[in-house]
Each structure stands twice: as C-alpha cells, then as structure tokens.
C-alpha atoms as a PDB file:
ATOM      1  CA  MET A   1     109.097  88.830 127.414  1.00  0.00           C
ATOM      2  CA  GLY A   2     111.034  86.176 125.620  1.00  0.00           C
ATOM      3  CA  VAL A   3     112.610  86.671 122.243  1.00  0.00           C
ATOM      4  CA  LYS A   4     110.228  84.134 120.716  1.00  0.00           C
ATOM      5  CA  ARG A   5     107.218  86.118 121.915  1.00  0.00           C
ATOM      6  CA  ILE A   6     108.637  89.329 120.500  1.00  0.00           C
ATOM      7  CA  LEU A   7     109.333  87.713 117.125  1.00  0.00           C
ATOM      8  CA  VAL A   8     105.861  86.141 116.993  1.00  0.00           C
ATOM      9  CA  LEU A   9     104.288  89.478 117.914  1.00  0.00           C
ATOM     10  CA  ALA A  10     106.309  91.261 115.219  1.00  0.00           C
ATOM     11  CA  ALA A  11     105.305  88.641 112.636  1.00  0.00           C
ATOM     12  CA  VAL A  12     101.611  88.906 113.541  1.00  0.00           C
ATOM     13  CA  ILE A  13     101.662  92.708 113.388  1.00  0.00           C
ATOM     14  CA  GLY A  14     103.527  92.629 110.062  1.00  0.00           C
ATOM     15  CA  ALA A  15     101.068  90.152 108.557  1.00  0.00           C
ATOM     16  CA  ALA A  16      98.124  92.208 109.812  1.00  0.00           C
ATOM     17  CA  LEU A  17      99.513  95.361 108.207  1.00  0.00           C
ATOM     18  CA  VAL A  18     100.158  93.646 104.885  1.00  0.00           C
ATOM     19  CA  LEU A  19      96.754  91.960 104.728  1.00  0.00           C
ATOM     20  CA  SER A  20      94.737  94.939 105.947  1.00  0.00           C
ATOM     21  CA  SER A  21      95.895  97.214 103.131  1.00  0.00           C
ATOM     22  CA  GLY A  22      93.745  95.374 100.590  1.00  0.00           C
ATOM     23  CA  ALA A  23      90.714  95.145 102.841  1.00  0.00           C
ATOM     24  CA  PHE A  24      89.891  98.840 102.628  1.00  0.00           C
ATOM     25  CA  ALA A  25      91.018  99.402  99.032  1.00  0.00           C
ATOM     26  CA  GLY A  26      87.692  98.298  97.522  1.00  0.00           C
ATOM     27  CA  GLY A  27      85.873 101.598  97.635  1.00  0.00           C
ATOM     28  CA  LEU A  28      86.041 105.116  98.886  1.00  0.00           C
ATOM     29  CA  THR A  29      83.370 106.491 101.171  1.00  0.00           C
ATOM     30  CA  CYS A  30      82.675 110.207 101.405  1.00  0.00           C
ATOM     31  CA  ALA A  31      82.082 111.994 104.679  1.00  0.00           C
ATOM     32  CA  HIS A  32      78.314 111.744 104.255  1.00  0.00           C
ATOM     33  CA  GLY A  33      78.436 107.944 103.755  1.00  0.00           C
ATOM     34  CA  SER A  34      77.872 107.604 100.011  1.00  0.00           C
ATOM     35  CA  THR A  35      80.448 106.411  97.496  1.00  0.00           C
ATOM     36  CA  CYS A  36      82.710 109.231  96.309  1.00  0.00           C
ATOM     37  CA  GLN A  37      82.987 109.925  92.596  1.00  0.00           C
ATOM     38  CA  ASN A  38      85.274 112.299  90.784  1.00  0.00           C
ATOM     39  CA  SER A  39      83.644 114.292  88.041  1.00  0.00           C
ATOM     40  CA  SER A  40      85.623 114.878  84.863  1.00  0.00           C
ATOM     41  CA  GLY A  41      84.408 118.402  84.156  1.00  0.00           C
ATOM     42  CA  GLY A  42      81.579 117.336  81.829  1.00  0.00           C
ATOM     43  CA  GLY A  43      79.342 116.162  84.645  1.00  0.00           C
ATOM     44  CA  GLU A  44      80.003 112.485  83.956  1.00  0.00           C
ATOM     45  CA  PRO A  45      81.415 110.596  86.936  1.00  0.00           C
ATOM     46  CA  ASN A  46      84.785 108.947  86.552  1.00  0.00           C
ATOM     47  CA  THR A  47      83.959 105.409  87.724  1.00  0.00           C
ATOM     48  CA  GLY A  48      87.038 103.587  86.394  1.00  0.00           C
ATOM     49  CA  GLY A  49      90.663 103.637  87.438  1.00  0.00           C
ATOM     50  CA  THR A  50      92.585 103.462  90.654  1.00  0.00           C
ATOM     51  CA  LEU A  51      94.043 105.898  93.107  1.00  0.00           C
ATOM     52  CA  PRO A  52      97.439 107.354  92.189  1.00  0.00           C
ATOM     53  CA  PHE A  53     100.560 106.148  93.983  1.00  0.00           C
ATOM     54  CA  THR A  54     101.433 108.885  96.464  1.00  0.00           C
ATOM     55  CA  GLY A  55     104.002 107.420  98.821  1.00  0.00           C
ATOM     56  CA  LEU A  56     106.695 104.915  99.586  1.00  0.00           C
ATOM     57  CA  ASP A  57     106.384 101.163  99.275  1.00  0.00           C
ATOM     58  CA  LEU A  58     105.390  99.985 102.754  1.00  0.00           C
ATOM     59  CA  ALA A  59     106.774  96.489 102.170  1.00  0.00           C
ATOM     60  CA  GLY A  60     110.264  97.971 101.814  1.00  0.00           C
ATOM     61  CA  ILE A  61     109.854 100.006 104.968  1.00  0.00           C
ATOM     62  CA  ALA A  62     108.618  96.923 106.842  1.00  0.00           C
ATOM     63  CA  ALA A  63     111.607  94.912 105.580  1.00  0.00           C
ATOM     64  CA  VAL A  64     114.046  97.568 106.792  1.00  0.00           C
ATOM     65  CA  GLY A  65     112.250  97.676 110.137  1.00  0.00           C
ATOM     66  CA  GLY A  66     112.501  93.905 110.428  1.00  0.00           C
ATOM     67  CA  LEU A  67     116.218  94.021 109.690  1.00  0.00           C
ATOM     68  CA  LEU A  68     116.709  96.719 112.324  1.00  0.00           C
ATOM     69  CA  LEU A  69     114.720  94.666 114.837  1.00  0.00           C
ATOM     70  CA  ALA A  70     116.778  91.537 114.103  1.00  0.00           C
ATOM     71  CA  GLY A  71     120.000  93.536 114.419  1.00  0.00           C
ATOM     72  CA  GLY A  72     118.900  94.994 117.738  1.00  0.00           C
ATOM     73  CA  ILE A  73     117.998  91.585 119.119  1.00  0.00           C
ATOM     74  CA  THR A  74     121.367  90.215 117.964  1.00  0.00           C
ATOM     75  CA  LEU A  75     123.255  93.067 119.622  1.00  0.00           C
ATOM     76  CA  HIS A  76     121.249  92.614 122.824  1.00  0.00           C
ATOM     77  CA  ARG A  77     122.071  88.890 122.947  1.00  0.00           C
ATOM     78  CA  ALA A  78     125.755  89.529 122.231  1.00  0.00           C
ATOM     79  CA  ALA A  79     125.942  92.128 125.001  1.00  0.00           C
ATOM     80  CA  ARG A  80     124.233  89.812 127.463  1.00  0.00           C
ATOM     81  CA  ARG A  81     126.645  86.942 126.698  1.00  0.00           C
ATOM     82  CA  SER A  82     129.718  89.098 127.231  1.00  0.00           C
ATOM     83  CA  ARG A  83     128.760  90.018 130.808  1.00  0.00           C
END
C-alpha cells in the first residue's frame, strides 16, 4: 500500500468517526425498543437535558493518534532512504 492510500484511509476513518458521533446522539433506546426516560422520584419523566460527560475528548485522542501516525510514516521514510 502506498503512503497516499494509507493517509486517505486514515482521513476517511477519522471523518467517519467524527461525523458518526452525532448521528446516534438524538435519542436513547431501551432494550425493549421504546425511548428510555429517567424518572425523577416523583413519577414525572425527566424529558429535558443531555447525557453527562463521562470520558475523554475523542478529538484530542484522534489528533494524538494522527501525530503518532505521521511520525511513524516519517521515521519509516527516513529509514528507507538511509539504506
């Protein structure tokens, strides 16, 4: 595989991951297929709000991964030229 193909593949996968995160964020579905609702103790469903942030920022992780990939490709090219 050429370097161009690898970079295009990495760009397509990165774009797919970034764009797919919003596609499934619209609603939660319970195991039985209906929309999940949290009750607030009084029997009234909590229909407003968003999910809490529970992890790392994936854009930062993707950026670090891209930098590592670019560094690896650069090292590979440098090693090939020195032979």
